Amino acid sequence: MERLNSKLYLQNCYIMKENEKLRKKAQLLNQENQALLSELKQKLSKADTKGNPEGNTIPELNLSSSSNPDPSSSGNP
């Protein structure tokens, strides 16, 4: 029983390390995504100010409302 407990403990430690790696990667990807979104909005804004008589035909891009800006606040301790 103690051997099984030790094995499960080690597996849990490994999973927690992997989870932390994935959380950090998710944060980096989210930052990159936000930067790209900002860049795209700036380009669209510049293109719109150059003259688009029909208005902006591209719908509002606001991914931040549907994505969690802080993946570490997912509720998992």
PDB file of N, CA and C in Angstrom:
ATOM      1  N   MET A   1       0.831  -1.201   0.000  1.00  0.00           N
ATOM      2  CA  MET A   1       0.000   0.000   0.000  1.00  0.00           C
ATOM      3  C   MET A   1       0.871   1.259   0.000  1.00  0.00           C
ATOM      4  N   GLU A   2       1.902   1.261   0.835  1.00  0.00           N
ATOM      5  CA  GLU A   2       2.786   2.417   0.902  1.00  0.00           C
ATOM      6  C   GLU A   2       3.523   2.621  -0.416  1.00  0.00           C
ATOM      7  N   ARG A   3       3.875   1.520  -1.070  1.00  0.00           N
ATOM      8  CA  ARG A   3       4.556   1.600  -2.368  1.00  0.00           C
ATOM      9  C   ARG A   3       3.640   2.249  -3.413  1.00  0.00           C
ATOM     10  N   LEU A   4       2.404   1.837  -3.412  1.00  0.00           N
ATOM     11  CA  LEU A   4       1.424   2.409  -4.336  1.00  0.00           C
ATOM     12  C   LEU A   4       1.244   3.907  -4.051  1.00  0.00           C
ATOM     13  N   ASN A   5       1.193   4.247  -2.778  1.00  0.00           N
ATOM     14  CA  ASN A   5       1.040   5.645  -2.388  1.00  0.00           C
ATOM     15  C   ASN A   5       2.229   6.475  -2.882  1.00  0.00           C
ATOM     16  N   SER A   6       3.426   5.949  -2.753  1.00  0.00           N
ATOM     17  CA  SER A   6       4.626   6.651  -3.215  1.00  0.00           C
ATOM     18  C   SER A   6       4.603   6.828  -4.726  1.00  0.00           C
ATOM     19  N   LYS A   7       4.170   5.789  -5.420  1.00  0.00           N
ATOM     20  CA  LYS A   7       4.094   5.861  -6.882  1.00  0.00           C
ATOM     21  C   LYS A   7       3.087   6.925  -7.312  1.00  0.00           C
ATOM     22  N   LEU A   8       1.941   6.951  -6.665  1.00  0.00           N
ATOM     23  CA  LEU A   8       0.917   7.941  -6.993  1.00  0.00           C
ATOM     24  C   LEU A   8       1.394   9.356  -6.654  1.00  0.00           C
ATOM     25  N   TYR A   9       2.136   9.485  -5.565  1.00  0.00           N
ATOM     26  CA  TYR A   9       2.681  10.785  -5.190  1.00  0.00           C
ATOM     27  C   TYR A   9       3.634  11.298  -6.261  1.00  0.00           C
ATOM     28  N   LEU A  10       4.521  10.434  -6.749  1.00  0.00           N
ATOM     29  CA  LEU A  10       5.471  10.833  -7.784  1.00  0.00           C
ATOM     30  C   LEU A  10       4.752  11.203  -9.083  1.00  0.00           C
ATOM     31  N   GLN A  11       3.733  10.434  -9.420  1.00  0.00           N
ATOM     32  CA  GLN A  11       2.949  10.757 -10.620  1.00  0.00           C
ATOM     33  C   GLN A  11       2.273  12.115 -10.470  1.00  0.00           C
ATOM     34  N   ASN A  12       1.765  12.370  -9.275  1.00  0.00           N
ATOM     35  CA  ASN A  12       1.112  13.652  -9.007  1.00  0.00           C
ATOM     36  C   ASN A  12       2.107  14.804  -9.139  1.00  0.00           C
ATOM     37  N   CYS A  13       3.316  14.623  -8.612  1.00  0.00           N
ATOM     38  CA  CYS A  13       4.352  15.657  -8.724  1.00  0.00           C
ATOM     39  C   CYS A  13       4.679  15.928 -10.187  1.00  0.00           C
ATOM     40  N   TYR A  14       4.801  14.869 -10.969  1.00  0.00           N
ATOM     41  CA  TYR A  14       5.098  15.018 -12.398  1.00  0.00           C
ATOM     42  C   TYR A  14       3.971  15.773 -13.105  1.00  0.00           C
ATOM     43  N   ILE A  15       2.751  15.425 -12.790  1.00  0.00           N
ATOM     44  CA  ILE A  15       1.592  16.084 -13.411  1.00  0.00           C
ATOM     45  C   ILE A  15       1.549  17.556 -13.035  1.00  0.00           C
ATOM     46  N   MET A  16       1.851  17.876 -11.788  1.00  0.00           N
ATOM     47  CA  MET A  16       1.847  19.281 -11.367  1.00  0.00           C
ATOM     48  C   MET A  16       2.936  20.077 -12.089  1.00  0.00           C
ATOM     49  N   LYS A  17       4.107  19.480 -12.290  1.00  0.00           N
ATOM     50  CA  LYS A  17       5.173  20.160 -13.028  1.00  0.00           C
ATOM     51  C   LYS A  17       4.754  20.408 -14.472  1.00  0.00           C
ATOM     52  N   GLU A  18       4.181  19.402 -15.098  1.00  0.00           N
ATOM     53  CA  GLU A  18       3.715  19.547 -16.479  1.00  0.00           C
ATOM     54  C   GLU A  18       2.612  20.598 -16.569  1.00  0.00           C
ATOM     55  N   ASN A  19       1.735  20.603 -15.587  1.00  0.00           N
ATOM     56  CA  ASN A  19       0.651  21.582 -15.557  1.00  0.00           C
ATOM     57  C   ASN A  19       1.209  22.992 -15.472  1.00  0.00           C
ATOM     58  N   GLU A  20       2.217  23.189 -14.653  1.00  0.00           N
ATOM     59  CA  GLU A  20       2.834  24.508 -14.531  1.00  0.00           C
ATOM     60  C   GLU A  20       3.495  24.928 -15.837  1.00  0.00           C
ATOM     61  N   LYS A  21       4.161  23.993 -16.511  1.00  0.00           N
ATOM     62  CA  LYS A  21       4.772  24.295 -17.807  1.00  0.00           C
ATOM     63  C   LYS A  21       3.710  24.725 -18.811  1.00  0.00           C
ATOM     64  N   LEU A  22       2.616  23.976 -18.839  1.00  0.00           N
ATOM     65  CA  LEU A  22       1.537  24.294 -19.778  1.00  0.00           C
ATOM     66  C   LEU A  22       0.880  25.627 -19.439  1.00  0.00           C
ATOM     67  N   ARG A  23       0.753  25.925 -18.152  1.00  0.00           N
ATOM     68  CA  ARG A  23       0.167  27.197 -17.737  1.00  0.00           C
ATOM     69  C   ARG A  23       1.042  28.358 -18.205  1.00  0.00           C
ATOM     70  N   LYS A  24       2.356  28.220 -18.043  1.00  0.00           N
ATOM     71  CA  LYS A  24       3.267  29.268 -18.493  1.00  0.00           C
ATOM     72  C   LYS A  24       3.209  29.433 -20.008  1.00  0.00           C
ATOM     73  N   LYS A  25       3.138  28.312 -20.709  1.00  0.00           N
ATOM     74  CA  LYS A  25       3.047  28.365 -22.167  1.00  0.00           C
ATOM     75  C   LYS A  25       1.743  29.036 -22.592  1.00  0.00           C
ATOM     76  N   ALA A  26       0.663  28.723 -21.894  1.00  0.00           N
ATOM     77  CA  ALA A  26      -0.628  29.342 -22.206  1.00  0.00           C
ATOM     78  C   ALA A  26      -0.580  30.842 -21.969  1.00  0.00           C
ATOM     79  N   GLN A  27       0.103  31.274 -20.914  1.00  0.00           N
ATOM     80  CA  GLN A  27       0.225  32.707 -20.654  1.00  0.00           C
ATOM     81  C   GLN A  27       1.006  33.395 -21.770  1.00  0.00           C
ATOM     82  N   LEU A  28       2.099  32.775 -22.213  1.00  0.00           N
ATOM     83  CA  LEU A  28       2.892  33.354 -23.295  1.00  0.00           C
ATOM     84  C   LEU A  28       2.090  33.432 -24.588  1.00  0.00           C
ATOM     85  N   LEU A  29       1.361  32.366 -24.884  1.00  0.00           N
ATOM     86  CA  LEU A  29       0.538  32.360 -26.095  1.00  0.00           C
ATOM     87  C   LEU A  29      -0.563  33.415 -26.014  1.00  0.00           C
ATOM     88  N   ASN A  30      -1.130  33.589 -24.834  1.00  0.00           N
ATOM     89  CA  ASN A  30      -2.164  34.599 -24.669  1.00  0.00           C
ATOM     90  C   ASN A  30      -1.587  35.997 -24.867  1.00  0.00           C
ATOM     91  N   GLN A  31      -0.390  36.242 -24.326  1.00  0.00           N
ATOM     92  CA  GLN A  31       0.249  37.542 -24.522  1.00  0.00           C
ATOM     93  C   GLN A  31       0.532  37.789 -26.000  1.00  0.00           C
ATOM     94  N   GLU A  32       1.027  36.764 -26.671  1.00  0.00           N
ATOM     95  CA  GLU A  32       1.306  36.897 -28.104  1.00  0.00           C
ATOM     96  C   GLU A  32       0.016  37.166 -28.872  1.00  0.00           C
ATOM     97  N   ASN A  33      -1.033  36.451 -28.505  1.00  0.00           N
ATOM     98  CA  ASN A  33      -2.324  36.625 -29.163  1.00  0.00           C
ATOM     99  C   ASN A  33      -2.852  38.040 -28.962  1.00  0.00           C
ATOM    100  N   GLN A  34      -2.729  38.554 -27.754  1.00  0.00           N
ATOM    101  CA  GLN A  34      -3.195  39.911 -27.473  1.00  0.00           C
ATOM    102  C   GLN A  34      -2.391  40.944 -28.261  1.00  0.00           C
ATOM    103  N   ALA A  35      -1.079  40.728 -28.376  1.00  0.00           N
ATOM    104  CA  ALA A  35      -0.231  41.649 -29.142  1.00  0.00           C
ATOM    105  C   ALA A  35      -0.615  41.625 -30.617  1.00  0.00           C
ATOM    106  N   LEU A  36      -0.847  40.438 -31.144  1.00  0.00           N
ATOM    107  CA  LEU A  36      -1.244  40.321 -32.550  1.00  0.00           C
ATOM    108  C   LEU A  36      -2.608  40.950 -32.794  1.00  0.00           C
ATOM    109  N   LEU A  37      -3.511  40.762 -31.848  1.00  0.00           N
ATOM    110  CA  LEU A  37      -4.840  41.356 -31.971  1.00  0.00           C
ATOM    111  C   LEU A  37      -4.751  42.873 -31.967  1.00  0.00           C
ATOM    112  N   SER A  38      -3.916  43.408 -31.094  1.00  0.00           N
ATOM    113  CA  SER A  38      -3.724  44.852 -31.029  1.00  0.00           C
ATOM    114  C   SER A  38      -3.134  45.371 -32.339  1.00  0.00           C
ATOM    115  N   GLU A  39      -2.153  44.651 -32.854  1.00  0.00           N
ATOM    116  CA  GLU A  39      -1.531  45.036 -34.124  1.00  0.00           C
ATOM    117  C   GLU A  39      -2.548  45.016 -35.257  1.00  0.00           C
ATOM    118  N   LEU A  40      -3.375  43.993 -35.291  1.00  0.00           N
ATOM    119  CA  LEU A  40      -4.400  43.890 -36.327  1.00  0.00           C
ATOM    120  C   LEU A  40      -5.404  45.030 -36.219  1.00  0.00           C
ATOM    121  N   LYS A  41      -5.813  45.352 -35.000  1.00  0.00           N
ATOM    122  CA  LYS A  41      -6.756  46.452 -34.814  1.00  0.00           C
ATOM    123  C   LYS A  41      -6.151  47.771 -35.276  1.00  0.00           C
ATOM    124  N   GLN A  42      -4.851  47.973 -34.989  1.00  0.00           N
ATOM    125  CA  GLN A  42      -4.192  49.198 -35.436  1.00  0.00           C
ATOM    126  C   GLN A  42      -4.165  49.272 -36.955  1.00  0.00           C
ATOM    127  N   LYS A  43      -3.842  48.156 -37.591  1.00  0.00           N
ATOM    128  CA  LYS A  43      -3.799  48.143 -39.058  1.00  0.00           C
ATOM    129  C   LYS A  43      -5.177  48.398 -39.647  1.00  0.00           C
ATOM    130  N   LEU A  44      -6.200  47.800 -39.046  1.00  0.00           N
ATOM    131  CA  LEU A  44      -7.559  48.023 -39.532  1.00  0.00           C
ATOM    132  C   LEU A  44      -7.978  49.468 -39.320  1.00  0.00           C
ATOM    133  N   SER A  45      -7.568  50.035 -38.207  1.00  0.00           N
ATOM    134  CA  SER A  45      -7.898  51.430 -37.915  1.00  0.00           C
ATOM    135  C   SER A  45      -7.226  52.362 -38.916  1.00  0.00           C
ATOM    136  N   LYS A  46      -5.967  52.091 -39.216  1.00  0.00           N
ATOM    137  CA  LYS A  46      -5.250  52.904 -40.201  1.00  0.00           C
ATOM    138  C   LYS A  46      -5.890  52.777 -41.577  1.00  0.00           C
ATOM    139  N   ALA A  47      -6.264  51.560 -41.938  1.00  0.00           N
ATOM    140  CA  ALA A  47      -6.896  51.334 -43.235  1.00  0.00           C
ATOM    141  C   ALA A  47      -8.246  52.046 -43.292  1.00  0.00           C
ATOM    142  N   ASP A  48      -8.945  52.070 -42.163  1.00  0.00           N
ATOM    143  CA  ASP A  48     -10.253  52.718 -42.102  1.00  0.00           C
ATOM    144  C   ASP A  48     -10.110  54.230 -42.220  1.00  0.00           C
ATOM    145  N   THR A  49      -9.060  54.804 -41.652  1.00  0.00           N
ATOM    146  CA  THR A  49      -8.872  56.248 -41.722  1.00  0.00           C
ATOM    147  C   THR A  49      -8.396  56.691 -43.098  1.00  0.00           C
ATOM    148  N   LYS A  50      -7.839  55.782 -43.873  1.00  0.00           N
ATOM    149  CA  LYS A  50      -7.401  56.120 -45.229  1.00  0.00           C
ATOM    150  C   LYS A  50      -8.584  56.275 -46.171  1.00  0.00           C
ATOM    151  N   GLY A  51      -9.711  55.855 -45.706  1.00  0.00           N
ATOM    152  CA  GLY A  51     -10.911  56.054 -46.517  1.00  0.00           C
ATOM    153  C   GLY A  51     -11.550  54.751 -46.911  1.00  0.00           C
ATOM    154  N   ASN A  52     -12.624  54.445 -46.265  1.00  0.00           N
ATOM    155  CA  ASN A  52     -13.425  53.278 -46.588  1.00  0.00           C
ATOM    156  C   ASN A  52     -14.872  53.748 -46.581  1.00  0.00           C
ATOM    157  N   PRO A  53     -15.360  54.244 -47.720  1.00  0.00           N
ATOM    158  CA  PRO A  53     -16.689  54.860 -47.762  1.00  0.00           C
ATOM    159  C   PRO A  53     -17.814  53.910 -47.388  1.00  0.00           C
ATOM    160  N   GLU A  54     -17.585  52.635 -47.523  1.00  0.00           N
ATOM    161  CA  GLU A  54     -18.639  51.670 -47.203  1.00  0.00           C
ATOM    162  C   GLU A  54     -18.606  51.277 -45.737  1.00  0.00           C
ATOM    163  N   GLY A  55     -17.683  51.792 -44.992  1.00  0.00           N
ATOM    164  CA  GLY A  55     -17.567  51.433 -43.583  1.00  0.00           C
ATOM    165  C   GLY A  55     -16.721  50.188 -43.417  1.00  0.00           C
ATOM    166  N   ASN A  56     -16.483  49.837 -42.209  1.00  0.00           N
ATOM    167  CA  ASN A  56     -15.666  48.660 -41.903  1.00  0.00           C
ATOM    168  C   ASN A  56     -16.496  47.402 -42.093  1.00  0.00           C
ATOM    169  N   THR A  57     -16.116  46.577 -43.044  1.00  0.00           N
ATOM    170  CA  THR A  57     -16.881  45.365 -43.320  1.00  0.00           C
ATOM    171  C   THR A  57     -16.427  44.188 -42.465  1.00  0.00           C
ATOM    172  N   ILE A  58     -15.382  44.401 -41.676  1.00  0.00           N
ATOM    173  CA  ILE A  58     -14.887  43.344 -40.796  1.00  0.00           C
ATOM    174  C   ILE A  58     -15.509  43.550 -39.424  1.00  0.00           C
ATOM    175  N   PRO A  59     -16.133  42.517 -38.845  1.00  0.00           N
ATOM    176  CA  PRO A  59     -16.776  42.676 -37.538  1.00  0.00           C
ATOM    177  C   PRO A  59     -15.744  42.988 -36.452  1.00  0.00           C
ATOM    178  N   GLU A  60     -16.212  43.574 -35.389  1.00  0.00           N
ATOM    179  CA  GLU A  60     -15.358  43.935 -34.253  1.00  0.00           C
ATOM    180  C   GLU A  60     -14.623  42.701 -33.737  1.00  0.00           C
ATOM    181  N   LEU A  61     -13.319  42.854 -33.587  1.00  0.00           N
ATOM    182  CA  LEU A  61     -12.494  41.760 -33.089  1.00  0.00           C
ATOM    183  C   LEU A  61     -12.213  42.000 -31.617  1.00  0.00           C
ATOM    184  N   ASN A  62     -12.866  41.252 -30.781  1.00  0.00           N
ATOM    185  CA  ASN A  62     -12.646  41.397 -29.351  1.00  0.00           C
ATOM    186  C   ASN A  62     -12.613  40.010 -28.738  1.00  0.00           C
ATOM    187  N   LEU A  63     -11.434  39.392 -28.773  1.00  0.00           N
ATOM    188  CA  LEU A  63     -11.286  38.044 -28.244  1.00  0.00           C
ATOM    189  C   LEU A  63     -11.115  38.039 -26.739  1.00  0.00           C
ATOM    190  N   SER A  64     -10.742  39.172 -26.168  1.00  0.00           N
ATOM    191  CA  SER A  64     -10.452  39.196 -24.740  1.00  0.00           C
ATOM    192  C   SER A  64     -11.686  38.889 -23.905  1.00  0.00           C
ATOM    193  N   SER A  65     -12.888  39.139 -24.438  1.00  0.00           N
ATOM    194  CA  SER A  65     -14.082  38.857 -23.659  1.00  0.00           C
ATOM    195  C   SER A  65     -14.384  37.363 -23.601  1.00  0.00           C
ATOM    196  N   SER A  66     -13.889  36.603 -24.582  1.00  0.00           N
ATOM    197  CA  SER A  66     -14.172  35.175 -24.583  1.00  0.00           C
ATOM    198  C   SER A  66     -13.006  34.350 -24.087  1.00  0.00           C
ATOM    199  N   SER A  67     -11.835  34.972 -23.932  1.00  0.00           N
ATOM    200  CA  SER A  67     -10.688  34.232 -23.437  1.00  0.00           C
ATOM    201  C   SER A  67     -10.334  34.716 -22.052  1.00  0.00           C
ATOM    202  N   ASN A  68      -9.725  33.853 -21.290  1.00  0.00           N
ATOM    203  CA  ASN A  68      -9.322  34.189 -19.944  1.00  0.00           C
ATOM    204  C   ASN A  68      -7.942  34.814 -20.005  1.00  0.00           C
ATOM    205  N   PRO A  69      -7.795  36.105 -19.688  1.00  0.00           N
ATOM    206  CA  PRO A  69      -6.493  36.749 -19.807  1.00  0.00           C
ATOM    207  C   PRO A  69      -5.466  36.196 -18.829  1.00  0.00           C
ATOM    208  N   ASP A  70      -5.908  35.552 -17.768  1.00  0.00           N
ATOM    209  CA  ASP A  70      -4.989  34.989 -16.794  1.00  0.00           C
ATOM    210  C   ASP A  70      -5.315  33.514 -16.602  1.00  0.00           C
ATOM    211  N   PRO A  71      -4.668  32.622 -17.387  1.00  0.00           N
ATOM    212  CA  PRO A  71      -4.994  31.204 -17.292  1.00  0.00           C
ATOM    213  C   PRO A  71      -4.722  30.615 -15.918  1.00  0.00           C
ATOM    214  N   SER A  72      -3.900  31.277 -15.090  1.00  0.00           N
ATOM    215  CA  SER A  72      -3.608  30.737 -13.765  1.00  0.00           C
ATOM    216  C   SER A  72      -4.789  30.921 -12.821  1.00  0.00           C
ATOM    217  N   SER A  73      -5.768  31.728 -13.215  1.00  0.00           N
ATOM    218  CA  SER A  73      -6.927  31.950 -12.347  1.00  0.00           C
ATOM    219  C   SER A  73      -8.085  31.042 -12.734  1.00  0.00           C
ATOM    220  N   SER A  74      -7.762  29.850 -13.189  1.00  0.00           N
ATOM    221  CA  SER A  74      -8.790  28.918 -13.645  1.00  0.00           C
ATOM    222  C   SER A  74      -9.514  28.249 -12.477  1.00  0.00           C
ATOM    223  N   GLY A  75      -9.071  28.541 -11.255  1.00  0.00           N
ATOM    224  CA  GLY A  75      -9.727  27.942 -10.102  1.00  0.00           C
ATOM    225  C   GLY A  75      -9.031  26.707  -9.592  1.00  0.00           C
ATOM    226  N   ASN A  76      -7.996  26.264 -10.277  1.00  0.00           N
ATOM    227  CA  ASN A  76      -7.248  25.109  -9.820  1.00  0.00           C
ATOM    228  C   ASN A  76      -6.145  25.562  -8.892  1.00  0.00           C
ATOM    229  N   PRO A  77      -6.052  24.969  -7.706  1.00  0.00           N
ATOM    230  CA  PRO A  77      -5.011  25.391  -6.770  1.00  0.00           C
ATOM    231  C   PRO A  77      -3.642  24.976  -7.209  1.00  0.00           C
TER     232      PRO A  77
END
